[in-house]
Protein backbone atom coordinates (compact mmCIF):
# COMPACT_ATOMS: atom_id res chain seq x y z
CA MET A 1 -27.37 1.01 9.77
CA ASN A 2 -26.72 -2.05 11.92
CA MET A 3 -23.28 -3.63 12.09
CA GLN A 4 -24.27 -6.81 10.19
CA LYS A 5 -25.43 -4.81 7.17
CA LEU A 6 -22.29 -2.67 7.29
CA ASN A 7 -20.08 -5.78 7.41
CA LEU A 8 -22.00 -7.35 4.51
CA ILE A 9 -21.61 -4.19 2.41
CA THR A 10 -17.90 -4.03 3.24
CA TRP A 11 -17.31 -7.64 2.15
CA VAL A 12 -19.29 -7.16 -1.07
CA ILE A 13 -17.07 -4.17 -1.89
CA VAL A 14 -13.93 -6.16 -1.05
CA LEU A 15 -14.99 -9.14 -3.18
CA PHE A 16 -15.94 -6.92 -6.12
CA SER A 17 -12.65 -5.01 -5.85
CA SER A 18 -10.71 -8.27 -5.86
CA TRP A 19 -12.61 -9.51 -8.91
CA ALA A 20 -12.44 -6.23 -10.84
CA ALA A 21 -8.73 -5.57 -10.41
CA ASP A 22 -5.63 -7.69 -10.71
CA ALA A 23 -4.20 -7.75 -7.23
CA THR A 24 -0.45 -7.77 -6.75
CA LYS A 25 1.12 -10.64 -4.81
CA TYR A 26 2.47 -9.35 -1.50
CA ASN A 27 3.76 -10.44 1.89
CA GLU A 28 2.94 -8.94 5.26
CA CYS A 29 6.07 -7.60 6.94
CA GLY A 30 5.11 -6.64 10.46
CA SER A 31 1.59 -5.24 10.34
CA ALA A 32 -0.05 -4.49 13.70
CA ASN A 33 -3.54 -3.03 14.20
CA ALA A 34 -4.49 -3.65 10.55
CA TYR A 35 -4.70 -6.49 8.08
CA THR A 36 -4.17 -6.12 4.37
CA LEU A 37 -6.94 -7.23 2.01
CA SER A 38 -5.16 -6.47 -1.28
CA VAL A 39 -2.34 -4.53 -2.92
CA GLU A 40 -2.74 -3.09 -6.41
CA ILE A 41 -0.02 -1.48 -8.52
CA THR A 42 -1.03 0.59 -11.56
CA PRO A 43 0.16 0.18 -14.26
CA CYS A 44 0.86 -3.51 -13.87
CA ASP A 45 0.11 -6.25 -16.36
CA SER A 46 2.66 -8.89 -15.38
CA ASP A 47 3.94 -10.79 -12.39
CA PRO A 48 6.08 -9.29 -11.08
CA CYS A 49 5.06 -5.79 -12.12
CA VAL A 50 7.49 -4.10 -14.50
CA LEU A 51 7.85 -0.39 -13.76
CA VAL A 52 9.92 2.21 -15.58
CA THR A 53 11.87 4.89 -13.74
CA GLY A 54 10.58 8.39 -14.33
CA GLN A 55 7.05 7.11 -15.08
CA PRO A 56 4.09 7.51 -12.68
CA VAL A 57 3.01 4.49 -10.63
CA THR A 58 0.09 4.25 -8.20
CA VAL A 59 0.22 2.00 -5.16
CA GLY A 60 -3.13 1.00 -3.68
CA ILE A 61 -3.46 -0.87 -0.39
CA LEU A 62 -6.89 -1.99 0.82
CA PHE A 63 -6.87 -2.77 4.54
CA THR A 64 -9.09 -3.22 7.56
CA ALA A 65 -8.06 -1.54 10.80
CA THR A 66 -8.27 -3.62 13.97
CA ALA A 67 -7.87 -0.60 16.28
CA ASP A 68 -8.49 3.14 16.22
CA ILE A 69 -5.50 4.87 14.61
CA GLN A 70 -4.72 8.56 14.31
CA GLY A 71 -3.22 9.58 10.96
CA GLY A 72 0.51 9.54 10.50
CA SER A 73 2.88 8.94 7.61
CA ALA A 74 4.21 6.38 5.13
CA SER A 75 7.63 5.18 4.06
CA MET A 76 8.85 3.26 1.04
CA GLN A 77 12.00 1.23 0.54
CA VAL A 78 13.59 -0.70 -2.29
CA VAL A 79 14.87 -4.00 -0.87
CA GLN A 80 17.41 -6.12 -2.74
CA ASP A 81 18.88 -8.99 -0.74
CA THR A 82 20.15 -7.24 2.41
CA ASP A 83 20.50 -3.80 0.77
CA ILE A 84 17.72 -1.32 1.59
CA ARG A 85 17.39 1.96 -0.29
CA TRP A 86 14.92 4.50 1.10
CA LEU A 87 12.76 6.26 -1.47
CA PRO A 88 11.74 9.89 -0.96
CA PRO A 89 8.85 10.04 1.53
CA PRO A 90 5.36 10.74 0.20
CA ASN A 91 4.60 14.45 -0.12
CA LYS A 92 1.14 13.83 1.34
CA THR A 93 0.05 12.85 4.82
CA LEU A 94 -1.42 9.42 5.43
CA CYS A 95 -4.89 10.95 5.82
CA GLU A 96 -4.68 12.67 2.40
CA CYS A 97 -4.16 9.26 0.77
CA LEU A 98 -7.00 7.41 2.53
CA ASN A 99 -10.58 6.82 1.46
CA PRO A 100 -12.45 7.30 3.72
CA SER A 101 -10.12 9.81 5.37
CA CYS A 102 -8.96 9.91 8.99
CA PRO A 103 -9.61 9.13 11.73
CA ILE A 104 -9.07 5.43 11.12
CA GLU A 105 -11.58 3.45 13.16
CA GLY A 106 -11.15 -0.15 14.29
CA GLY A 107 -13.26 -2.44 12.10
CA GLY A 108 -13.29 0.04 9.20
CA THR A 109 -11.99 -0.76 5.72
CA TYR A 110 -9.74 1.83 4.06
CA ASP A 111 -8.20 2.31 0.63
CA TYR A 112 -4.73 3.91 0.66
CA LYS A 113 -3.60 5.25 -2.73
CA TYR A 114 -0.42 7.12 -3.56
CA THR A 115 1.04 8.05 -6.95
CA LEU A 116 4.77 8.65 -7.41
CA GLU A 117 7.53 8.50 -9.99
CA LEU A 118 10.33 6.05 -9.38
CA PRO A 119 13.59 8.02 -9.19
CA ASP A 120 15.96 7.74 -12.16
CA THR A 121 18.73 6.82 -9.70
CA ILE A 122 17.34 3.30 -9.23
CA PRO A 123 19.14 0.87 -11.57
CA SER A 124 17.30 -1.78 -13.59
CA HIS A 125 16.82 -4.97 -11.57
CA GLN A 126 14.32 -7.14 -9.72
CA VAL A 127 13.61 -5.89 -6.21
CA ASP A 128 11.05 -5.95 -3.46
CA ILE A 129 9.25 -2.76 -2.52
CA ARG A 130 8.38 -2.37 1.15
CA TRP A 131 5.54 0.03 1.98
CA GLU A 132 4.95 0.99 5.63
CA LEU A 133 2.16 3.01 7.23
CA PHE A 134 2.70 4.67 10.62
CA ASP A 135 0.39 6.27 13.17
CA GLU A 136 0.88 9.80 14.55
CA ARG A 137 3.47 8.49 17.07
CA GLU A 138 5.46 6.91 14.18
CA ILE A 139 4.50 3.40 15.32
CA LEU A 140 4.15 0.94 12.43
CA PHE A 141 0.60 -0.33 11.92
CA LEU A 142 0.78 -1.78 8.38
CA CYS A 143 3.64 -3.19 6.31
CA VAL A 144 3.51 -4.93 2.93
CA GLN A 145 6.32 -6.04 0.65
CA PHE A 146 5.86 -6.95 -3.01
CA PRO A 147 8.16 -7.94 -5.88
CA MET A 148 8.69 -5.78 -8.94
CA GLU A 149 11.08 -5.34 -11.79
CA ILE A 150 12.46 -1.86 -12.33
CA ARG A 151 13.66 -0.75 -15.75
CA ALA A 152 15.65 2.44 -16.16
CA LEU A 153 14.73 4.77 -19.01
């Protein structure tokens, strides 16, 4: 398949995904070698998303790589003003959460999805969640930050 057809198919998928799902508002926070197309939090039916501790939440990040990247890891933080609280790291590798899976090729579009439960130790308040993806050398290649409201059980 030639590159023009592949690019056209990729953009059709991206446009359909954006139309079919409510994307979460987000900010880039230091991405290199990738650009974010959308962030989706499930369940989320408000802006900002309201999530309950102890309940499952899925984070989806659709991105296009601008360079070849070998799989690595992810980190998540709760950011409130200048206070940063690290959440437990994902129990899956980066490659296990990607569709298509690794290796990540420059120009390719990838869907990262991870499901977790917010720890009960996080108090109810409005925060930003920072989600970072790293390559195999632990060099940051994608970072997004999005607002959410956390409610304790």
